[in-house]
Amino acid sequence: MPDPAPDPATLRARIAELRSKRARIERAPMPERDALAAIEHQVHLLADTLPPITASNLDTLLRMKPGATLAKLLPEQLARTIAEDMRLGYANMTSKPLAPAARAKELARIDDQLRAAEIEEERAIRSAEARGEETDRRGEADPRVLLMEEIE
């Protein structure tokens, strides 16, 4: 006799757990070296949003776009100040940094598990419907799974 299919509530709990895990991976900090490079890059991008600074537009730019003006006038100092604050955060960090390749690999693994769980959930729902039971679908269910003619 085949194992009974898990009920939708159990599968939904698993899906919620996987979504939560995915969110934690997405929020995991990048390695400090990458963060420092990103700070410098962002400071330069911010500075590039401004026209050349002149005596006639300095006051307006300082009032309207203070961050970009500082990035234009003092890019190294601004990047250094932001990096110092960032280092304090890294010193107190409780989660482990993830390199971009490791993050992408872990997200892909979780996405595969999530898709399998959603397919299993839809299989359980269709099985319940075939028995005449009413079962609601989650509003955030993957529409690609819902629209599958045949469940794998």
Protein backbone atom coordinates (compact mmCIF):
# COMPACT_ATOMS: atom_id res chain seq x y z
CA MET A 1 0.00 0.00 0.00
CA PRO A 2 1.55 3.37 -0.99
CA ASP A 3 2.28 5.96 1.65
CA PRO A 4 -0.62 8.38 2.08
CA ALA A 5 0.01 11.80 0.62
CA PRO A 6 0.82 14.49 3.17
CA ASP A 7 -2.12 16.71 3.97
CA PRO A 8 -2.12 20.27 2.57
CA ALA A 9 -1.62 21.81 6.04
CA THR A 10 1.63 19.88 6.55
CA LEU A 11 2.81 20.85 3.09
CA ARG A 12 1.87 24.49 3.68
CA ALA A 13 3.92 24.51 6.88
CA ARG A 14 6.88 23.12 4.90
CA ILE A 15 6.38 25.77 2.19
CA ALA A 16 6.27 28.54 4.81
CA GLU A 17 9.47 27.17 6.36
CA LEU A 18 11.21 27.14 2.97
CA ARG A 19 10.04 30.68 2.16
CA SER A 20 11.36 31.85 5.53
CA LYS A 21 14.68 30.13 4.91
CA ARG A 22 14.87 31.72 1.47
CA ALA A 23 14.25 35.17 2.95
CA ARG A 24 17.05 34.63 5.50
CA ILE A 25 19.46 33.66 2.71
CA GLU A 26 18.45 36.72 0.68
CA ARG A 27 19.08 38.97 3.70
CA ALA A 28 22.38 37.35 4.65
CA PRO A 29 25.20 39.87 4.50
CA MET A 30 27.77 39.77 1.76
CA PRO A 31 31.44 39.24 2.65
CA GLU A 32 33.06 42.37 4.05
CA ARG A 33 35.44 42.67 1.08
CA ASP A 34 32.49 42.71 -1.33
CA ALA A 35 30.63 45.22 0.84
CA LEU A 36 33.60 47.59 0.83
CA ALA A 37 33.82 47.40 -2.96
CA ALA A 38 30.06 48.02 -3.21
CA ILE A 39 30.35 51.11 -1.00
CA GLU A 40 32.99 52.66 -3.23
CA HIS A 41 31.00 51.81 -6.32
CA GLN A 42 27.79 53.29 -4.91
CA VAL A 43 29.52 56.49 -3.80
CA HIS A 44 30.82 56.99 -7.34
CA LEU A 45 27.41 56.22 -8.85
CA LEU A 46 25.84 58.75 -6.49
CA ALA A 47 28.39 61.41 -7.42
CA ASP A 48 27.75 60.78 -11.10
CA THR A 49 24.09 61.79 -10.71
CA LEU A 50 25.09 65.44 -10.37
CA PRO A 51 26.10 68.02 -12.94
CA PRO A 52 29.46 69.69 -12.43
CA ILE A 53 29.47 71.67 -9.19
CA THR A 54 29.91 75.39 -9.56
CA ALA A 55 29.78 78.35 -7.19
CA SER A 56 26.30 79.17 -8.50
CA ASN A 57 24.76 75.71 -7.93
CA LEU A 58 26.60 74.47 -4.82
CA ASP A 59 24.05 75.84 -2.33
CA THR A 60 21.12 74.37 -4.28
CA LEU A 61 22.81 71.00 -4.67
CA LEU A 62 23.68 70.84 -0.97
CA ARG A 63 20.04 71.51 -0.06
CA MET A 64 18.43 69.34 -2.71
CA LYS A 65 20.91 66.44 -2.95
CA PRO A 66 23.22 66.54 0.06
CA GLY A 67 24.39 62.93 -0.20
CA ALA A 68 25.21 63.17 -3.89
CA THR A 69 26.96 66.51 -3.33
CA LEU A 70 29.13 65.01 -0.60
CA ALA A 71 29.85 62.03 -2.84
CA LYS A 72 30.94 64.42 -5.59
CA LEU A 73 33.04 66.69 -3.36
CA LEU A 74 34.48 64.16 -0.89
CA PRO A 75 34.14 60.64 -2.36
CA GLU A 76 37.01 59.02 -0.45
CA GLN A 77 35.96 60.51 2.89
CA LEU A 78 32.33 59.55 2.40
CA ALA A 79 33.24 55.98 1.42
CA ARG A 80 35.62 55.72 4.38
CA THR A 81 32.97 56.99 6.83
CA ILE A 82 30.36 54.56 5.51
CA ALA A 83 32.92 51.72 5.60
CA GLU A 84 33.75 52.49 9.24
CA ASP A 85 30.07 52.25 10.17
CA MET A 86 29.73 49.08 8.13
CA ARG A 87 32.71 47.49 9.91
CA LEU A 88 30.99 48.11 13.26
CA GLY A 89 28.00 46.22 11.93
CA TYR A 90 30.20 43.34 10.78
CA ALA A 91 31.88 43.23 14.20
CA ASN A 92 28.47 42.76 15.88
CA MET A 93 26.99 40.52 13.21
CA THR A 94 25.42 37.24 14.27
CA SER A 95 24.75 35.80 10.81
CA LYS A 96 27.43 34.42 8.55
CA PRO A 97 28.25 36.34 5.35
CA LEU A 98 27.51 34.57 2.09
CA ALA A 99 29.57 34.96 -1.06
CA PRO A 100 27.46 35.67 -4.16
CA ALA A 101 28.11 32.23 -5.68
CA ALA A 102 27.20 30.44 -2.44
CA ARG A 103 24.06 32.60 -2.08
CA ALA A 104 22.96 31.77 -5.63
CA LYS A 105 23.61 28.05 -5.12
CA GLU A 106 21.68 27.97 -1.83
CA LEU A 107 18.77 29.96 -3.29
CA ALA A 108 18.58 27.59 -6.28
CA ARG A 109 18.55 24.59 -3.92
CA ILE A 110 15.76 26.11 -1.83
CA ASP A 111 13.81 27.08 -4.95
CA ASP A 112 13.97 23.45 -6.13
CA GLN A 113 12.69 22.25 -2.75
CA LEU A 114 9.99 24.91 -2.75
CA ARG A 115 8.79 23.94 -6.22
CA ALA A 116 8.69 20.26 -5.23
CA ALA A 117 6.70 21.10 -2.08
CA GLU A 118 4.24 23.25 -4.06
CA ILE A 119 3.77 20.48 -6.62
CA GLU A 120 3.14 18.02 -3.79
CA GLU A 121 0.66 20.46 -2.25
CA GLU A 122 -1.21 20.81 -5.55
CA ARG A 123 -1.21 17.03 -5.94
CA ALA A 124 -2.77 16.70 -2.47
CA ILE A 125 -5.37 19.37 -3.27
CA ARG A 126 -6.32 17.73 -6.56
CA SER A 127 -6.56 14.36 -4.85
CA ALA A 128 -8.86 15.87 -2.19
CA GLU A 129 -10.97 17.51 -4.90
CA ALA A 130 -11.25 14.17 -6.71
CA ARG A 131 -12.66 12.72 -3.48
CA GLY A 132 -15.21 15.55 -3.38
CA GLU A 133 -13.49 17.52 -0.60
CA GLU A 134 -13.18 21.28 -0.76
CA THR A 135 -9.68 22.62 -0.19
CA ASP A 136 -8.63 26.22 -0.59
CA ARG A 137 -5.47 27.12 -2.41
CA ARG A 138 -2.99 29.60 -0.97
CA GLY A 139 -3.18 33.05 -2.54
CA GLU A 140 0.60 33.12 -2.97
CA ALA A 141 0.78 29.67 -4.59
CA ASP A 142 3.01 29.51 -7.65
CA PRO A 143 0.68 29.99 -10.64
CA ARG A 144 2.97 27.80 -12.78
CA VAL A 145 2.15 24.89 -10.50
CA LEU A 146 -1.56 25.70 -10.38
CA LEU A 147 -1.76 25.77 -14.16
CA MET A 148 0.02 22.46 -14.71
CA GLU A 149 -2.31 20.11 -16.51
CA GLU A 150 -0.61 17.09 -15.03
CA ILE A 151 1.30 17.12 -11.79
CA GLU A 152 4.72 15.55 -12.20
